[in-house]
Structure formats: structure tokens, C-alpha cells
Amino acid sequence: MNAIPVRSLLLTAWLLAFPAMGSTGSNTTATSTADEVQSPLDDKQTSLRQAISALETEHGAYGAALPEQLLSLGRSLQQQGRHREALTVFKRGTHLARVTSGLYSPEQLPLLQAEIESLQVLQNYQLADARQRYLYRVQMRSLSDAGQRAAALVAHADWQRQAYLLALDEEPGERLLEMWELNRRALNDILQRQGERSRKLLPPLHGMLHAQYLISDYQWQDGAGFQGTQGFADRNQLSSHRGYRRDNYDKGVAVIRAVHDLERLTNADDPCLRPAP
């Protein structure tokens, strides 16, 4: 009996390992697997759309429960990378929350935040900036919890940093001054509520330090607009800019010392953070 060639054995083994290859059943198996991967999100979206339709039928196009359902639908679309569709859903949810709950209702906040996320993914930074400013206005008017307000200030300060790095404005340096000021406000708020030993002081302190670092390297546009041709307001603005540059080093050192002192104090207070003897 002739020996079976090794290549034939390998080929047979390979075909047995993948019996569906080259057959009609292979497409069915592949399709079924793909459906199994995608079906949970698709099924969820179908259920959400049905729930939204039911709410509209029962309560009308401005039902109070619709924004929450629209948020869930938009988040599901985001997970699939369908950001343009998600934006349409979030915008509708924000509009409904504003109509049903008030111009500065907190129900808008998660919808606005989700909308900004999709805008950033789509690299529509100018519109994201506009929505971020609106988000900030709603937060400052609707958040009653002081901790949430301080967190919102720090988050908005970080957006100013991103906007500066993206050079969204003709004079990007203004973002750095706003970044400093927002972090400073958050710092003062936390100090008043929790005292000088709270580790929650660290995020705004680090934000202030980063702002000073960026300010130190920025060249203000002292052009025609700041030579007096635009009037008293511009001269004051230029003076303010020069003041920030003049005091930049001292402010930076003061923040570094504050961070160092806070780390030392909190490490001494917390047994878990104390150095081993």
C-alpha cells in the first residue's frame, strides 16, 4: 500500500478543522457569529425605540420620560460608533428636557455631556466649544451640591486647556487665563467647605500649575489692538496680560509649595499614606 503523502494528511487535517470553509454553510456560520456579536446592541436599540414610541403615543411628543430614554438610545449608538445619529438623538433629548423641565434643568446635563463627546470624536471642536459653554451655564445654575459645582469648574477649566491646545481662537491665551480663574474658584470653594487638608484640593491646584506653565511659554499678541487703537478696554486687557506674565513665576512657585504642603499634611493624616518606619 502506498503511503499517503504528508501534504495530503496536512490538507485533510486543515479541512477537518474548518469543515465549513468553501461550503454554503460557511456563510451561514459566519453571518450567525456576526449577528451574535452585534445583536445585543441592535436589540437594545430596537427596544428603546419601541419604548420611545410608546411614550410618545401615551404622553405626546413632549413626555417627561422621553429625555432619559433618548439618552440611553444615544449612548447605545455611540457604542457602535454611530456618532452622527447619536448627536441627533442627544439634541432632541436636550430640547425636550429644556421644554419640559426648564431652561437650566439638570436633566439636560448628561445629554449635553454625551453630545460633546460625540462632537469631539467627529472633530467638530467649534461646536463642541459652544455646547461646553452652554453646559457650564446650566451647571452653574442647576447644581445645588457644592462638590458637584467644584468638579464642574475643574472640568470646564480642563476644557479651556484643550481649546487652547486646539487653537480655537485668534487669541488662544485668553483660554489660559480662564483656565487659571476656574481652577482658582474651585480651589477657594473646596477650601471653604472642606478645609486645607482635603485631597480634593489637588485637582484644581494641579490645574492652576499647568495653567501657569502654559502662560509662561505663551507670547501675547501685543499688536495694533493692544496699542491703544481699540480704546481703554484693550489697554486694560494688555495690562492684565502683562501682569500675568510678570507674576507667573511667583504664582507657579506658590502653587508648587501648596501642593507639597498638602501632600505632606494628608500623608501625615492618613496611616495608609505614611512612609514605612
C-alpha atoms as a PDB file:
ATOM      1  CA  MET A   1       0.000   0.000   0.000  1.00  0.00           C
ATOM      2  CA  ASN A   2       1.347   3.388  -0.924  1.00  0.00           C
ATOM      3  CA  ALA A   3       1.901   5.780   1.916  1.00  0.00           C
ATOM      4  CA  ILE A   4      -0.351   8.833   1.963  1.00  0.00           C
ATOM      5  CA  PRO A   5       1.743  11.950   1.255  1.00  0.00           C
ATOM      6  CA  VAL A   6       2.329  14.151   4.266  1.00  0.00           C
ATOM      7  CA  ARG A   7       0.943  17.160   2.381  1.00  0.00           C
ATOM      8  CA  SER A   8      -2.366  15.313   1.817  1.00  0.00           C
ATOM      9  CA  LEU A   9      -2.605  14.497   5.507  1.00  0.00           C
ATOM     10  CA  LEU A  10      -1.989  18.130   6.449  1.00  0.00           C
ATOM     11  CA  LEU A  11      -4.564  19.332   3.946  1.00  0.00           C
ATOM     12  CA  THR A  12      -7.146  16.830   5.229  1.00  0.00           C
ATOM     13  CA  ALA A  13      -6.488  17.850   8.833  1.00  0.00           C
ATOM     14  CA  TRP A  14      -6.822  21.532   7.940  1.00  0.00           C
ATOM     15  CA  LEU A  15     -10.151  20.937   6.161  1.00  0.00           C
ATOM     16  CA  LEU A  16     -11.470  18.906   9.078  1.00  0.00           C
ATOM     17  CA  ALA A  17     -10.507  21.671  11.469  1.00  0.00           C
ATOM     18  CA  PHE A  18     -12.535  24.154   9.351  1.00  0.00           C
ATOM     19  CA  PRO A  19     -15.293  21.998   7.818  1.00  0.00           C
ATOM     20  CA  ALA A  20     -17.388  24.969   6.770  1.00  0.00           C
ATOM     21  CA  MET A  21     -14.678  26.516   4.590  1.00  0.00           C
ATOM     22  CA  GLY A  22     -15.659  26.559   0.951  1.00  0.00           C
ATOM     23  CA  SER A  23     -19.203  25.336   1.620  1.00  0.00           C
ATOM     24  CA  THR A  24     -22.577  27.059   1.621  1.00  0.00           C
ATOM     25  CA  GLY A  25     -22.846  26.515   5.354  1.00  0.00           C
ATOM     26  CA  SER A  26     -19.742  28.633   5.966  1.00  0.00           C
ATOM     27  CA  ASN A  27     -21.529  31.855   5.090  1.00  0.00           C
ATOM     28  CA  THR A  28     -24.362  30.937   7.424  1.00  0.00           C
ATOM     29  CA  THR A  29     -21.947  30.270  10.264  1.00  0.00           C
ATOM     30  CA  ALA A  30     -20.001  33.499   9.699  1.00  0.00           C
ATOM     31  CA  THR A  31     -23.187  35.536   9.442  1.00  0.00           C
ATOM     32  CA  SER A  32     -24.587  33.900  12.539  1.00  0.00           C
ATOM     33  CA  THR A  33     -21.442  34.724  14.513  1.00  0.00           C
ATOM     34  CA  ALA A  34     -21.505  38.358  13.357  1.00  0.00           C
ATOM     35  CA  ASP A  35     -25.179  38.592  14.271  1.00  0.00           C
ATOM     36  CA  GLU A  36     -24.442  37.216  17.721  1.00  0.00           C
ATOM     37  CA  VAL A  37     -21.820  39.945  18.256  1.00  0.00           C
ATOM     38  CA  GLN A  38     -23.993  42.827  17.097  1.00  0.00           C
ATOM     39  CA  SER A  39     -27.440  41.655  18.172  1.00  0.00           C
ATOM     40  CA  PRO A  40     -27.298  42.768  21.839  1.00  0.00           C
ATOM     41  CA  LEU A  41     -26.863  46.451  20.900  1.00  0.00           C
ATOM     42  CA  ASP A  42     -29.274  46.210  17.985  1.00  0.00           C
ATOM     43  CA  ASP A  43     -31.864  44.536  20.182  1.00  0.00           C
ATOM     44  CA  LYS A  44     -31.377  47.179  22.843  1.00  0.00           C
ATOM     45  CA  GLN A  45     -31.858  49.979  20.324  1.00  0.00           C
ATOM     46  CA  THR A  46     -34.997  48.325  18.973  1.00  0.00           C
ATOM     47  CA  SER A  47     -36.407  48.047  22.494  1.00  0.00           C
ATOM     48  CA  LEU A  48     -35.522  51.675  23.238  1.00  0.00           C
ATOM     49  CA  ARG A  49     -37.146  52.919  20.029  1.00  0.00           C
ATOM     50  CA  GLN A  50     -40.265  50.930  20.862  1.00  0.00           C
ATOM     51  CA  ALA A  51     -40.317  52.387  24.378  1.00  0.00           C
ATOM     52  CA  ILE A  52     -39.921  55.898  22.952  1.00  0.00           C
ATOM     53  CA  SER A  53     -42.780  55.340  20.513  1.00  0.00           C
ATOM     54  CA  ALA A  54     -44.968  54.028  23.321  1.00  0.00           C
ATOM     55  CA  LEU A  55     -44.204  57.072  25.479  1.00  0.00           C
ATOM     56  CA  GLU A  56     -44.987  59.411  22.588  1.00  0.00           C
ATOM     57  CA  THR A  57     -48.277  57.642  21.995  1.00  0.00           C
ATOM     58  CA  GLU A  58     -49.250  57.800  25.647  1.00  0.00           C
ATOM     59  CA  HIS A  59     -47.849  61.183  26.698  1.00  0.00           C
ATOM     60  CA  GLY A  60     -47.263  63.051  23.457  1.00  0.00           C
ATOM     61  CA  ALA A  61     -44.071  64.315  21.805  1.00  0.00           C
ATOM     62  CA  TYR A  62     -43.006  66.135  24.976  1.00  0.00           C
ATOM     63  CA  GLY A  63     -43.409  63.357  27.517  1.00  0.00           C
ATOM     64  CA  ALA A  64     -41.319  63.934  30.632  1.00  0.00           C
ATOM     65  CA  ALA A  65     -39.761  60.454  30.470  1.00  0.00           C
ATOM     66  CA  LEU A  66     -38.504  60.813  26.899  1.00  0.00           C
ATOM     67  CA  PRO A  67     -35.132  62.528  27.605  1.00  0.00           C
ATOM     68  CA  GLU A  68     -33.909  59.607  29.713  1.00  0.00           C
ATOM     69  CA  GLN A  69     -34.867  57.100  27.027  1.00  0.00           C
ATOM     70  CA  LEU A  70     -33.232  59.236  24.341  1.00  0.00           C
ATOM     71  CA  LEU A  71     -30.047  59.385  26.409  1.00  0.00           C
ATOM     72  CA  SER A  72     -29.936  55.586  26.574  1.00  0.00           C
ATOM     73  CA  LEU A  73     -30.551  55.296  22.834  1.00  0.00           C
ATOM     74  CA  GLY A  74     -27.847  57.837  22.048  1.00  0.00           C
ATOM     75  CA  ARG A  75     -25.347  56.070  24.301  1.00  0.00           C
ATOM     76  CA  SER A  76     -26.085  52.791  22.539  1.00  0.00           C
ATOM     77  CA  LEU A  77     -25.457  54.422  19.155  1.00  0.00           C
ATOM     78  CA  GLN A  78     -22.191  55.839  20.478  1.00  0.00           C
ATOM     79  CA  GLN A  79     -21.038  52.352  21.403  1.00  0.00           C
ATOM     80  CA  GLN A  80     -21.421  51.380  17.752  1.00  0.00           C
ATOM     81  CA  GLY A  81     -19.524  54.447  16.570  1.00  0.00           C
ATOM     82  CA  ARG A  82     -22.684  55.964  15.050  1.00  0.00           C
ATOM     83  CA  HIS A  83     -21.953  59.419  16.410  1.00  0.00           C
ATOM     84  CA  ARG A  84     -23.873  61.482  13.864  1.00  0.00           C
ATOM     85  CA  GLU A  85     -27.044  59.546  14.630  1.00  0.00           C
ATOM     86  CA  ALA A  86     -26.307  59.834  18.337  1.00  0.00           C
ATOM     87  CA  LEU A  87     -25.980  63.614  18.032  1.00  0.00           C
ATOM     88  CA  THR A  88     -29.474  63.877  16.547  1.00  0.00           C
ATOM     89  CA  VAL A  89     -30.852  61.841  19.436  1.00  0.00           C
ATOM     90  CA  PHE A  90     -28.989  63.846  22.106  1.00  0.00           C
ATOM     91  CA  LYS A  91     -30.090  67.174  20.620  1.00  0.00           C
ATOM     92  CA  ARG A  92     -33.698  66.090  20.707  1.00  0.00           C
ATOM     93  CA  GLY A  93     -33.325  64.885  24.292  1.00  0.00           C
ATOM     94  CA  THR A  94     -31.751  68.187  25.377  1.00  0.00           C
ATOM     95  CA  HIS A  95     -34.515  70.167  23.684  1.00  0.00           C
ATOM     96  CA  LEU A  96     -37.227  68.088  25.367  1.00  0.00           C
ATOM     97  CA  ALA A  97     -35.573  68.385  28.793  1.00  0.00           C
ATOM     98  CA  ARG A  98     -35.368  72.148  28.352  1.00  0.00           C
ATOM     99  CA  VAL A  99     -39.031  72.386  27.334  1.00  0.00           C
ATOM    100  CA  THR A 100     -40.428  70.044  29.972  1.00  0.00           C
ATOM    101  CA  SER A 101     -38.174  70.846  32.937  1.00  0.00           C
ATOM    102  CA  GLY A 102     -36.903  74.387  32.364  1.00  0.00           C
ATOM    103  CA  LEU A 103     -34.196  76.303  30.551  1.00  0.00           C
ATOM    104  CA  TYR A 104     -31.480  75.365  33.059  1.00  0.00           C
ATOM    105  CA  SER A 105     -32.798  71.995  34.205  1.00  0.00           C
ATOM    106  CA  PRO A 106     -30.217  69.440  35.412  1.00  0.00           C
ATOM    107  CA  GLU A 107     -31.905  66.784  33.247  1.00  0.00           C
ATOM    108  CA  GLN A 108     -30.007  68.303  30.310  1.00  0.00           C
ATOM    109  CA  LEU A 109     -26.558  67.718  31.793  1.00  0.00           C
ATOM    110  CA  PRO A 110     -25.895  64.078  30.832  1.00  0.00           C
ATOM    111  CA  LEU A 111     -27.329  64.719  27.351  1.00  0.00           C
ATOM    112  CA  LEU A 112     -25.083  67.739  26.818  1.00  0.00           C
ATOM    113  CA  GLN A 113     -22.032  65.873  28.081  1.00  0.00           C
ATOM    114  CA  ALA A 114     -22.746  62.955  25.754  1.00  0.00           C
ATOM    115  CA  GLU A 115     -23.287  65.346  22.839  1.00  0.00           C
ATOM    116  CA  ILE A 116     -19.901  66.973  23.476  1.00  0.00           C
ATOM    117  CA  GLU A 117     -18.237  63.543  23.499  1.00  0.00           C
ATOM    118  CA  SER A 118     -19.610  62.730  20.037  1.00  0.00           C
ATOM    119  CA  LEU A 119     -18.695  66.160  18.694  1.00  0.00           C
ATOM    120  CA  GLN A 120     -15.112  65.628  19.826  1.00  0.00           C
ATOM    121  CA  VAL A 121     -14.972  62.209  18.178  1.00  0.00           C
ATOM    122  CA  LEU A 122     -16.215  63.853  14.967  1.00  0.00           C
ATOM    123  CA  GLN A 123     -13.603  66.620  15.487  1.00  0.00           C
ATOM    124  CA  ASN A 124     -16.243  69.346  15.369  1.00  0.00           C
ATOM    125  CA  TYR A 125     -14.410  71.319  18.042  1.00  0.00           C
ATOM    126  CA  GLN A 126     -16.027  74.703  17.438  1.00  0.00           C
ATOM    127  CA  LEU A 127     -19.497  73.328  18.047  1.00  0.00           C
ATOM    128  CA  ALA A 128     -18.193  71.273  20.970  1.00  0.00           C
ATOM    129  CA  ASP A 129     -16.841  74.509  22.453  1.00  0.00           C
ATOM    130  CA  ALA A 130     -20.212  76.215  22.081  1.00  0.00           C
ATOM    131  CA  ARG A 131     -22.001  73.299  23.723  1.00  0.00           C
ATOM    132  CA  GLN A 132     -19.380  73.205  26.502  1.00  0.00           C
ATOM    133  CA  ARG A 133     -20.104  76.835  27.317  1.00  0.00           C
ATOM    134  CA  TYR A 134     -23.821  76.134  27.411  1.00  0.00           C
ATOM    135  CA  LEU A 135     -23.178  73.091  29.618  1.00  0.00           C
ATOM    136  CA  TYR A 136     -21.226  75.312  32.003  1.00  0.00           C
ATOM    137  CA  ARG A 137     -24.080  77.832  32.228  1.00  0.00           C
ATOM    138  CA  VAL A 138     -26.583  75.073  33.006  1.00  0.00           C
ATOM    139  CA  GLN A 139     -24.266  73.544  35.615  1.00  0.00           C
ATOM    140  CA  MET A 140     -23.725  76.828  37.421  1.00  0.00           C
ATOM    141  CA  ARG A 141     -27.476  77.477  37.575  1.00  0.00           C
ATOM    142  CA  SER A 142     -28.734  73.982  38.295  1.00  0.00           C
ATOM    143  CA  LEU A 143     -26.178  72.240  40.527  1.00  0.00           C
ATOM    144  CA  SER A 144     -27.043  72.756  44.176  1.00  0.00           C
ATOM    145  CA  ASP A 145     -24.382  70.386  45.501  1.00  0.00           C
ATOM    146  CA  ALA A 146     -21.197  72.356  46.168  1.00  0.00           C
ATOM    147  CA  GLY A 147     -18.967  69.369  45.412  1.00  0.00           C
ATOM    148  CA  GLN A 148     -20.545  68.900  42.010  1.00  0.00           C
ATOM    149  CA  ARG A 149     -20.141  72.600  41.269  1.00  0.00           C
ATOM    150  CA  ALA A 150     -16.442  72.475  42.132  1.00  0.00           C
ATOM    151  CA  ALA A 151     -15.993  69.409  39.917  1.00  0.00           C
ATOM    152  CA  ALA A 152     -17.780  71.236  37.092  1.00  0.00           C
ATOM    153  CA  LEU A 153     -15.426  74.200  37.472  1.00  0.00           C
ATOM    154  CA  VAL A 154     -12.370  71.936  37.237  1.00  0.00           C
ATOM    155  CA  ALA A 155     -13.819  70.105  34.215  1.00  0.00           C
ATOM    156  CA  HIS A 156     -14.565  73.363  32.418  1.00  0.00           C
ATOM    157  CA  ALA A 157     -11.065  74.608  33.230  1.00  0.00           C
ATOM    158  CA  ASP A 158      -9.649  71.494  31.581  1.00  0.00           C
ATOM    159  CA  TRP A 159     -11.768  72.221  28.510  1.00  0.00           C
ATOM    160  CA  GLN A 160     -10.111  75.640  28.306  1.00  0.00           C
ATOM    161  CA  ARG A 161      -6.761  73.834  28.232  1.00  0.00           C
ATOM    162  CA  GLN A 162      -7.939  71.628  25.376  1.00  0.00           C
ATOM    163  CA  ALA A 163      -9.352  74.624  23.492  1.00  0.00           C
ATOM    164  CA  TYR A 164      -6.016  76.410  23.893  1.00  0.00           C
ATOM    165  CA  LEU A 165      -4.079  73.430  22.537  1.00  0.00           C
ATOM    166  CA  LEU A 166      -6.524  73.207  19.610  1.00  0.00           C
ATOM    167  CA  ALA A 167      -6.069  76.959  18.945  1.00  0.00           C
ATOM    168  CA  LEU A 168      -9.794  77.571  18.558  1.00  0.00           C
ATOM    169  CA  ASP A 169      -9.452  81.356  18.976  1.00  0.00           C
ATOM    170  CA  GLU A 170      -7.500  84.178  17.390  1.00  0.00           C
ATOM    171  CA  GLU A 171      -6.076  84.892  20.857  1.00  0.00           C
ATOM    172  CA  PRO A 172      -5.766  81.431  22.454  1.00  0.00           C
ATOM    173  CA  GLY A 173      -4.009  82.850  25.512  1.00  0.00           C
ATOM    174  CA  GLU A 174      -7.344  84.040  26.894  1.00  0.00           C
ATOM    175  CA  ARG A 175      -8.162  80.377  27.481  1.00  0.00           C
ATOM    176  CA  LEU A 176      -5.204  80.069  29.828  1.00  0.00           C
ATOM    177  CA  LEU A 177      -6.414  82.968  31.959  1.00  0.00           C
ATOM    178  CA  GLU A 178      -9.861  81.392  32.116  1.00  0.00           C
ATOM    179  CA  MET A 179      -8.280  78.037  32.971  1.00  0.00           C
ATOM    180  CA  TRP A 180      -6.442  79.625  35.908  1.00  0.00           C
ATOM    181  CA  GLU A 181      -9.507  81.503  37.143  1.00  0.00           C
ATOM    182  CA  LEU A 182     -11.859  78.498  37.032  1.00  0.00           C
ATOM    183  CA  ASN A 183      -9.408  76.324  38.950  1.00  0.00           C
ATOM    184  CA  ARG A 184      -8.891  79.124  41.457  1.00  0.00           C
ATOM    185  CA  ARG A 185     -12.632  79.370  42.061  1.00  0.00           C
ATOM    186  CA  ALA A 186     -12.859  75.609  42.559  1.00  0.00           C
ATOM    187  CA  LEU A 187      -9.925  75.737  44.987  1.00  0.00           C
ATOM    188  CA  ASN A 188     -11.498  78.501  47.073  1.00  0.00           C
ATOM    189  CA  ASP A 189     -14.834  76.674  47.147  1.00  0.00           C
ATOM    190  CA  ILE A 190     -13.253  73.421  48.380  1.00  0.00           C
ATOM    191  CA  LEU A 191     -11.157  75.309  50.955  1.00  0.00           C
ATOM    192  CA  GLN A 192     -14.254  76.947  52.409  1.00  0.00           C
ATOM    193  CA  ARG A 193     -16.195  73.683  52.607  1.00  0.00           C
ATOM    194  CA  GLN A 194     -13.564  71.103  53.496  1.00  0.00           C
ATOM    195  CA  GLY A 195     -10.550  72.984  54.799  1.00  0.00           C
ATOM    196  CA  GLU A 196      -6.912  72.968  53.840  1.00  0.00           C
ATOM    197  CA  ARG A 197      -6.336  69.252  54.467  1.00  0.00           C
ATOM    198  CA  SER A 198      -8.705  67.927  51.792  1.00  0.00           C
ATOM    199  CA  ARG A 199      -7.097  65.966  48.970  1.00  0.00           C
ATOM    200  CA  LYS A 200      -9.863  67.288  46.724  1.00  0.00           C
ATOM    201  CA  LEU A 201      -7.784  70.460  46.590  1.00  0.00           C
ATOM    202  CA  LEU A 202      -5.198  68.672  44.443  1.00  0.00           C
ATOM    203  CA  PRO A 203      -7.053  68.684  41.063  1.00  0.00           C
ATOM    204  CA  PRO A 204      -7.563  72.477  40.980  1.00  0.00           C
ATOM    205  CA  LEU A 205      -4.013  73.030  42.281  1.00  0.00           C
ATOM    206  CA  HIS A 206      -2.564  70.884  39.519  1.00  0.00           C
ATOM    207  CA  GLY A 207      -4.790  72.701  37.028  1.00  0.00           C
ATOM    208  CA  MET A 208      -3.503  76.081  38.230  1.00  0.00           C
ATOM    209  CA  LEU A 209       0.089  74.879  37.990  1.00  0.00           C
ATOM    210  CA  HIS A 210      -0.473  73.646  34.436  1.00  0.00           C
ATOM    211  CA  ALA A 211      -2.051  76.980  33.520  1.00  0.00           C
ATOM    212  CA  GLN A 212       0.980  78.869  34.846  1.00  0.00           C
ATOM    213  CA  TYR A 213       3.314  76.598  32.922  1.00  0.00           C
ATOM    214  CA  LEU A 214       1.445  77.294  29.668  1.00  0.00           C
ATOM    215  CA  ILE A 215       1.224  81.033  30.400  1.00  0.00           C
ATOM    216  CA  SER A 216       4.997  81.190  30.912  1.00  0.00           C
ATOM    217  CA  ASP A 217       5.571  79.952  27.371  1.00  0.00           C
ATOM    218  CA  TYR A 218       2.873  81.999  25.642  1.00  0.00           C
ATOM    219  CA  GLN A 219       3.586  85.151  23.639  1.00  0.00           C
ATOM    220  CA  TRP A 220       0.679  87.569  23.894  1.00  0.00           C
ATOM    221  CA  GLN A 221      -0.377  89.291  20.702  1.00  0.00           C
ATOM    222  CA  ASP A 222       0.585  92.875  21.529  1.00  0.00           C
ATOM    223  CA  GLY A 223      -0.430  94.073  18.075  1.00  0.00           C
ATOM    224  CA  ALA A 224      -2.459  97.015  16.902  1.00  0.00           C
ATOM    225  CA  GLY A 225      -5.405  96.017  19.041  1.00  0.00           C
ATOM    226  CA  PHE A 226      -3.302  96.453  22.182  1.00  0.00           C
ATOM    227  CA  GLN A 227      -1.552  99.644  21.152  1.00  0.00           C
ATOM    228  CA  GLY A 228      -4.484 101.847  22.091  1.00  0.00           C
ATOM    229  CA  THR A 229      -6.330 101.882  18.768  1.00  0.00           C
ATOM    230  CA  GLN A 230      -9.166  99.832  20.244  1.00  0.00           C
ATOM    231  CA  GLY A 231      -9.628 102.019  23.291  1.00  0.00           C
ATOM    232  CA  PHE A 232      -9.371 101.783  27.043  1.00  0.00           C
ATOM    233  CA  ALA A 233     -10.661  98.193  27.340  1.00  0.00           C
ATOM    234  CA  ASP A 234      -7.840  96.812  25.213  1.00  0.00           C
ATOM    235  CA  ARG A 235      -5.218  98.756  27.150  1.00  0.00           C
ATOM    236  CA  ASN A 236      -6.588  97.281  30.371  1.00  0.00           C
ATOM    237  CA  GLN A 237      -6.547  93.832  28.809  1.00  0.00           C
ATOM    238  CA  LEU A 238      -2.935  94.206  27.735  1.00  0.00           C
ATOM    239  CA  SER A 239      -2.008  95.395  31.217  1.00  0.00           C
ATOM    240  CA  SER A 240      -3.718  92.331  32.669  1.00  0.00           C
ATOM    241  CA  HIS A 241      -1.801  90.048  30.313  1.00  0.00           C
ATOM    242  CA  ARG A 242       1.498  91.632  31.270  1.00  0.00           C
ATOM    243  CA  GLY A 243       0.578  91.259  34.917  1.00  0.00           C
ATOM    244  CA  TYR A 244       0.021  87.534  34.457  1.00  0.00           C
ATOM    245  CA  ARG A 245       3.408  87.193  32.787  1.00  0.00           C
ATOM    246  CA  ARG A 246       5.115  89.331  35.432  1.00  0.00           C
ATOM    247  CA  ASP A 247       3.682  87.310  38.322  1.00  0.00           C
ATOM    248  CA  ASN A 248       3.893  83.974  36.542  1.00  0.00           C
ATOM    249  CA  TYR A 249       6.980  82.654  38.344  1.00  0.00           C
ATOM    250  CA  ASP A 250       5.839  83.666  41.817  1.00  0.00           C
ATOM    251  CA  LYS A 251       2.386  82.175  41.284  1.00  0.00           C
ATOM    252  CA  GLY A 252       3.855  78.951  39.975  1.00  0.00           C
ATOM    253  CA  VAL A 253       6.169  78.607  42.974  1.00  0.00           C
ATOM    254  CA  ALA A 254       3.282  79.332  45.353  1.00  0.00           C
ATOM    255  CA  VAL A 255       1.174  76.591  43.774  1.00  0.00           C
ATOM    256  CA  ILE A 256       4.045  74.083  43.909  1.00  0.00           C
ATOM    257  CA  ARG A 257       4.514  74.845  47.610  1.00  0.00           C
ATOM    258  CA  ALA A 258       0.786  74.448  48.213  1.00  0.00           C
ATOM    259  CA  VAL A 259       0.802  71.035  46.512  1.00  0.00           C
ATOM    260  CA  HIS A 260       3.865  69.978  48.519  1.00  0.00           C
ATOM    261  CA  ASP A 261       2.366  71.118  51.828  1.00  0.00           C
ATOM    262  CA  LEU A 262      -0.962  69.423  51.090  1.00  0.00           C
ATOM    263  CA  GLU A 263       0.724  66.138  50.203  1.00  0.00           C
ATOM    264  CA  ARG A 264       2.743  66.317  53.423  1.00  0.00           C
ATOM    265  CA  LEU A 265      -0.306  67.105  55.552  1.00  0.00           C
ATOM    266  CA  THR A 266      -2.527  64.434  54.064  1.00  0.00           C
ATOM    267  CA  ASN A 267       0.205  61.809  54.212  1.00  0.00           C
ATOM    268  CA  ALA A 268       0.639  62.570  57.883  1.00  0.00           C
ATOM    269  CA  ASP A 269      -3.129  62.312  58.468  1.00  0.00           C
ATOM    270  CA  ASP A 270      -3.658  59.059  56.548  1.00  0.00           C
ATOM    271  CA  PRO A 271      -1.947  55.945  58.006  1.00  0.00           C
ATOM    272  CA  CYS A 272      -2.111  54.277  54.583  1.00  0.00           C
ATOM    273  CA  LEU A 273      -0.091  57.121  53.033  1.00  0.00           C
ATOM    274  CA  ARG A 274       2.584  57.420  55.721  1.00  0.00           C
ATOM    275  CA  PRO A 275       6.049  56.207  54.771  1.00  0.00           C
ATOM    276  CA  ALA A 276       7.172  52.956  56.358  1.00  0.00           C
ATOM    277  CA  PRO A 277       9.291  53.442  59.516  1.00  0.00           C
END
